[in-house]
Every structure is written in structure tokens, then in C-alpha cells.
Amino acid sequence: MNHKQLKEKALSNESVREEYASLEPEFNLLREMLRARQDAGLSQADIADRMGTKAPAITRLESSLTSGRHSPSLATLKKYAEAVDCHLEIKLVH
């Protein structure tokens, strides 16, 4: 079974589908962060240097958005955004 088939099978379960949908904001933020880092041509180590931390902290930050184990603070997200020459914008949408 390949990844696509496994995902389709898992998402056929309503409770799995609901949980997956609830993670959409985190997945979107992670995609934005990774895209910004890639567009800036920076590695996790580069970001860590700019944020005054170590590369494993950036790995944990990026992976925390998909694991649900930890929600990064707004201050941390702002530092990350600045490290990739962006600004953090947060919106509440109806």
C-alpha cells in the first residue's frame, strides 16, 4: 500500500477525517514557514543562528506544528518570520 492509498483509507474513517481537518491551520502554517525558509535559501541552522538558538530547536519548532505536542508562542513565530525576512500576520476569519 502506498502513501496515497493509506491516506485515502484512513480518511474514509469519519473520526480520522475530522481530526485531520482540525489540523489544517497547523499544516498551512508549516507549509508557509517551510516555503519562506526555502525562498530565503536558508537552512534550519541558518534560521537558528538568526534566532539565537540551535538547529535542533528549529527542527522541533517545525515538527511541533504537525505533532500537536507543542504550540509555539507568537514571540517564537515572530522571531522565525523575522529570520526569514518576513513578518508575521495573524487573522481571524469568519
Protein backbone atom coordinates (compact mmCIF):
# COMPACT_ATOMS: atom_id res chain seq x y z
CA MET A 1 0.00 0.00 0.00
CA ASN A 2 1.45 3.37 -0.97
CA HIS A 3 1.07 6.65 0.92
CA LYS A 4 -1.86 7.89 -1.17
CA GLN A 5 -3.79 4.66 -0.65
CA LEU A 6 -3.07 4.65 3.08
CA LYS A 7 -4.23 8.27 3.39
CA GLU A 8 -7.44 7.54 1.46
CA LYS A 9 -8.15 4.52 3.64
CA ALA A 10 -7.50 6.45 6.85
CA LEU A 11 -9.63 9.40 5.74
CA SER A 12 -12.55 7.09 4.97
CA ASN A 13 -12.96 6.88 8.77
CA GLU A 14 -15.04 9.88 9.88
CA SER A 15 -13.23 10.44 13.18
CA VAL A 16 -9.84 10.35 11.44
CA ARG A 17 -11.14 12.72 8.75
CA GLU A 18 -12.39 15.17 11.42
CA GLU A 19 -9.09 15.09 13.31
CA TYR A 20 -7.14 15.56 10.07
CA ALA A 21 -9.31 18.56 9.17
CA SER A 22 -8.77 20.08 12.61
CA LEU A 23 -5.02 20.17 11.93
CA GLU A 24 -5.38 22.22 8.74
CA PRO A 25 -4.28 25.54 10.34
CA GLU A 26 -1.09 23.94 11.65
CA PHE A 27 -0.32 22.30 8.31
CA ASN A 28 -0.92 25.59 6.49
CA LEU A 29 1.38 27.46 8.86
CA LEU A 30 4.08 24.81 8.49
CA ARG A 31 3.84 24.99 4.68
CA GLU A 32 4.18 28.78 4.87
CA MET A 33 7.18 28.55 7.18
CA LEU A 34 8.96 25.97 5.04
CA ARG A 35 8.21 27.93 1.87
CA ALA A 36 9.57 31.14 3.43
CA ARG A 37 12.73 29.35 4.60
CA GLN A 38 13.22 27.80 1.15
CA ASP A 39 12.56 31.11 -0.63
CA ALA A 40 15.13 32.76 1.63
CA GLY A 41 17.61 29.99 0.75
CA LEU A 42 18.21 29.23 4.42
CA SER A 43 18.80 26.01 6.31
CA GLN A 44 17.48 25.24 9.76
CA ALA A 45 20.96 26.03 11.09
CA ASP A 46 20.86 29.43 9.36
CA ILE A 47 17.48 30.17 10.94
CA ALA A 48 18.78 29.06 14.33
CA ASP A 49 21.75 31.43 14.05
CA ARG A 50 19.46 34.31 13.17
CA MET A 51 17.15 33.48 16.08
CA GLY A 52 19.98 32.99 18.56
CA THR A 53 19.27 29.32 19.14
CA LYS A 54 20.46 25.91 17.89
CA ALA A 55 19.34 23.96 14.83
CA PRO A 56 17.57 21.20 16.83
CA ALA A 57 15.28 23.90 18.26
CA ILE A 58 14.22 24.83 14.73
CA THR A 59 13.64 21.18 13.89
CA ARG A 60 11.43 20.88 16.98
CA LEU A 61 9.62 24.10 16.09
CA GLU A 62 8.85 22.98 12.55
CA SER A 63 7.87 19.46 13.61
CA SER A 64 5.74 20.69 16.52
CA LEU A 65 3.21 22.03 14.05
CA THR A 66 2.44 18.54 12.79
CA SER A 67 2.85 16.61 16.02
CA GLY A 68 0.41 18.61 18.13
CA ARG A 69 2.70 18.15 21.11
CA HIS A 70 3.59 21.81 21.47
CA SER A 71 2.20 25.07 20.19
CA PRO A 72 4.91 27.64 19.53
CA SER A 73 4.41 31.05 21.09
CA LEU A 74 3.63 34.10 18.99
CA ALA A 75 7.00 35.53 20.01
CA THR A 76 8.77 32.45 18.61
CA LEU A 77 6.77 32.58 15.38
CA LYS A 78 7.59 36.29 15.06
CA LYS A 79 11.32 35.58 15.51
CA TYR A 80 11.13 32.84 12.88
CA ALA A 81 9.35 35.20 10.47
CA GLU A 82 12.00 37.87 11.01
CA ALA A 83 14.75 35.28 10.49
CA VAL A 84 13.37 34.52 7.02
CA ASP A 85 12.91 38.24 6.24
CA CYS A 86 9.12 38.12 6.59
CA HIS A 87 6.61 39.49 9.04
CA LEU A 88 4.04 37.53 10.98
CA GLU A 89 0.42 38.24 10.12
CA ILE A 90 -2.40 36.69 12.11
CA LYS A 91 -6.03 36.92 11.10
CA LEU A 92 -9.36 35.84 12.48
CA VAL A 93 -11.60 34.86 9.58
CA HIS A 94 -15.36 34.18 9.52
